[in-house]
Amino acid sequence: MKRTMTVSDSIVVDAPPATIYDQVSDPTRMGRWSPENQGATMTDGTQVAHVGMVFDGHNKRGPIRWTTRCTVTAAEPGERFAFRVHAIGRRKPVLKAPIASWEYRFEAVDGGTRVTETWTDDRRSWPDAMAGAFDRVATRGRTFAAFQRKNIAITLRNLKKVMESAPDVS
């Protein structure tokens, strides 16, 4: 069976696009709404998102922890924030390989902003059977697409809750 390479979902948040973008484009804050990401360390000392910015994402799934190296590929204030994950490791991201890309789009709509989160599997060189076997071990029985579909829904609900619960989310 051919695997699903991209998963996406959206939610409307009662806040302006620029406000949400400011939160999402700061990877150190991602742990506030992600079920897996625990935040990030900026490797170049900057906090303002820009194309080429590099950060290390800290992640946890059950008892397992790992670190990813990510590079920002889009930083359009109030519109789009994206990055690609290109290295992974237990404490340091030492294994370099295309892993995944993440994108967040922000669209002004009645009632606030439609936030769309998209995950793309960048392991294109992996045969589907090999990726499927790895995915079932890494996600406790699911494909990464199914696993990320659930994570994206949780992330968007948590983002909405955080953004709408406090006037100052900084």
Protein backbone atom coordinates (compact mmCIF):
# COMPACT_ATOMS: atom_id res chain seq x y z
CA MET A 1 0.00 0.00 0.00
CA LYS A 2 1.37 3.39 -0.99
CA ARG A 3 1.93 5.62 2.01
CA THR A 4 0.42 9.03 2.62
CA MET A 5 3.15 11.66 2.32
CA THR A 6 1.28 14.76 3.53
CA VAL A 7 -1.24 15.40 6.30
CA SER A 8 -2.95 18.71 7.02
CA ASP A 9 -5.66 20.16 9.25
CA SER A 10 -7.03 23.61 10.09
CA ILE A 11 -8.74 25.44 12.93
CA VAL A 12 -10.10 28.96 13.36
CA VAL A 13 -8.52 30.89 16.25
CA ASP A 14 -9.98 34.10 17.62
CA ALA A 15 -6.82 36.18 17.19
CA PRO A 16 -5.20 38.15 14.37
CA PRO A 17 -2.86 36.32 11.94
CA ALA A 18 0.16 38.39 13.01
CA THR A 19 -0.34 37.52 16.68
CA ILE A 20 -0.57 33.80 16.00
CA TYR A 21 2.37 33.93 13.58
CA ASP A 22 4.51 35.61 16.26
CA GLN A 23 3.85 32.67 18.60
CA VAL A 24 4.18 29.81 16.10
CA SER A 25 7.28 31.22 14.40
CA ASP A 26 9.18 31.10 17.72
CA PRO A 27 10.17 27.41 17.98
CA THR A 28 11.03 27.80 21.67
CA ARG A 29 7.27 28.17 22.33
CA MET A 30 6.08 25.10 20.40
CA GLY A 31 6.10 22.95 23.52
CA ARG A 32 3.16 24.99 24.84
CA TRP A 33 0.77 23.31 22.40
CA SER A 34 2.49 20.31 20.80
CA PRO A 35 1.85 16.86 22.30
CA GLU A 36 5.38 15.79 21.36
CA ASN A 37 7.66 18.81 21.02
CA GLN A 38 9.13 20.17 24.23
CA GLY A 39 10.45 23.43 22.76
CA ALA A 40 13.65 24.33 20.97
CA THR A 41 17.11 25.78 21.30
CA MET A 42 18.11 28.43 18.81
CA THR A 43 21.52 27.55 17.37
CA ASP A 44 22.37 30.98 15.98
CA GLY A 45 21.16 33.06 18.94
CA THR A 46 18.34 34.78 17.08
CA GLN A 47 14.70 34.70 18.13
CA VAL A 48 13.06 36.42 15.16
CA ALA A 49 12.18 33.87 12.49
CA HIS A 50 13.94 34.21 9.16
CA VAL A 51 14.65 31.90 6.24
CA GLY A 52 17.81 29.97 7.03
CA MET A 53 17.37 30.18 10.82
CA VAL A 54 18.47 26.91 12.45
CA PHE A 55 17.11 25.44 15.67
CA ASP A 56 17.22 22.17 17.56
CA GLY A 57 13.81 20.79 18.48
CA HIS A 58 13.50 18.79 21.70
CA ASN A 59 10.93 16.01 21.53
CA LYS A 60 9.40 13.35 23.76
CA ARG A 61 7.08 10.45 23.02
CA GLY A 62 6.40 8.34 26.11
CA PRO A 63 9.77 7.63 27.73
CA ILE A 64 11.71 8.28 24.49
CA ARG A 65 13.43 11.63 23.94
CA TRP A 66 15.25 12.91 20.87
CA THR A 67 16.55 16.08 19.27
CA THR A 68 16.06 17.26 15.70
CA ARG A 69 17.94 19.88 13.66
CA CYS A 70 15.60 22.13 11.72
CA THR A 71 16.03 24.97 9.22
CA VAL A 72 13.37 27.59 8.55
CA THR A 73 12.29 27.58 4.89
CA ALA A 74 9.56 30.25 5.04
CA ALA A 75 9.04 33.18 7.41
CA GLU A 76 6.32 35.46 6.07
CA PRO A 77 4.90 37.39 9.06
CA GLY A 78 1.18 36.87 9.49
CA GLU A 79 1.02 34.47 6.52
CA ARG A 80 3.34 31.46 6.61
CA PHE A 81 6.00 29.77 8.71
CA ALA A 82 7.73 26.55 7.59
CA PHE A 83 10.77 24.48 8.40
CA ARG A 84 12.38 21.21 7.40
CA VAL A 85 13.76 18.60 9.78
CA HIS A 86 17.05 17.29 8.42
CA ALA A 87 18.95 15.67 11.29
CA ILE A 88 18.04 13.62 14.35
CA GLY A 89 19.71 12.09 17.38
CA ARG A 90 19.16 11.13 21.00
CA ARG A 91 20.84 14.17 22.59
CA LYS A 92 22.38 15.79 19.52
CA PRO A 93 21.09 15.68 15.95
CA VAL A 94 23.94 13.69 14.42
CA LEU A 95 22.16 11.53 11.82
CA LYS A 96 21.67 13.76 8.77
CA ALA A 97 18.84 12.84 6.41
CA PRO A 98 15.61 14.31 5.02
CA ILE A 99 13.01 13.57 7.70
CA ALA A 100 9.97 15.85 7.48
CA SER A 101 8.77 19.34 6.66
CA TRP A 102 6.25 21.37 8.67
CA GLU A 103 4.25 24.36 7.50
CA TYR A 104 1.84 26.74 9.21
CA ARG A 105 -0.40 29.06 7.19
CA PHE A 106 -2.41 31.92 8.65
CA GLU A 107 -5.48 33.26 6.83
CA ALA A 108 -7.74 36.03 8.12
CA VAL A 109 -11.37 34.83 8.20
CA ASP A 110 -14.57 35.87 9.92
CA GLY A 111 -14.03 35.07 13.59
CA GLY A 112 -10.23 35.31 13.53
CA THR A 113 -7.56 33.34 11.71
CA ARG A 114 -7.65 29.99 10.01
CA VAL A 115 -4.44 28.24 11.04
CA THR A 116 -3.45 25.32 8.81
CA GLU A 117 -0.72 22.95 9.93
CA THR A 118 0.83 20.57 7.39
CA TRP A 119 3.29 17.73 7.85
CA THR A 120 5.13 16.24 4.87
CA ASP A 121 7.14 13.03 5.01
CA ASP A 122 10.52 13.82 3.44
CA ARG A 123 11.73 10.20 3.60
CA ARG A 124 11.01 9.85 -0.11
CA SER A 125 13.96 7.54 -0.77
CA TRP A 126 12.63 4.96 1.72
CA PRO A 127 10.68 2.10 0.15
CA ASP A 128 7.06 2.15 1.37
CA ALA A 129 7.38 -1.25 3.08
CA MET A 130 10.50 -0.17 5.00
CA ALA A 131 8.92 3.14 6.05
CA GLY A 132 5.75 1.31 7.11
CA ALA A 133 7.68 -1.14 9.30
CA PHE A 134 9.71 1.66 10.90
CA ASP A 135 6.58 3.77 11.43
CA ARG A 136 4.73 0.97 13.23
CA VAL A 137 7.62 0.56 15.68
CA ALA A 138 8.14 4.31 16.21
CA THR A 139 4.43 5.12 16.64
CA ARG A 140 3.27 1.95 18.38
CA GLY A 141 1.39 0.47 15.46
CA ARG A 142 0.43 3.36 13.17
CA THR A 143 1.83 4.99 10.08
CA PHE A 144 3.46 8.38 10.57
CA ALA A 145 0.67 9.96 8.52
CA ALA A 146 -2.01 8.61 10.90
CA PHE A 147 0.12 9.50 13.91
CA GLN A 148 0.75 13.05 12.68
CA ARG A 149 -2.93 13.53 11.78
CA LYS A 150 -3.74 12.99 15.47
CA ASN A 151 -0.84 15.16 16.67
CA ILE A 152 -1.80 18.01 14.35
CA ALA A 153 -5.38 17.98 15.64
CA ILE A 154 -4.11 18.10 19.24
CA THR A 155 -1.60 20.84 18.44
CA LEU A 156 -4.22 23.03 16.75
CA ARG A 157 -6.73 22.59 19.60
CA ASN A 158 -4.03 23.45 22.15
CA LEU A 159 -2.87 26.45 20.12
CA LYS A 160 -6.45 27.73 19.96
CA LYS A 161 -6.87 27.28 23.72
CA VAL A 162 -3.61 29.08 24.53
CA MET A 163 -4.22 31.93 22.08
CA GLU A 164 -7.82 32.51 23.18
CA SER A 165 -7.32 32.10 26.94
CA ALA A 166 -4.96 35.01 27.57
CA PRO A 167 -4.84 38.44 25.96
CA ASP A 168 -1.04 38.46 26.31
CA VAL A 169 0.37 35.08 25.31
CA SER A 170 3.99 36.12 25.52
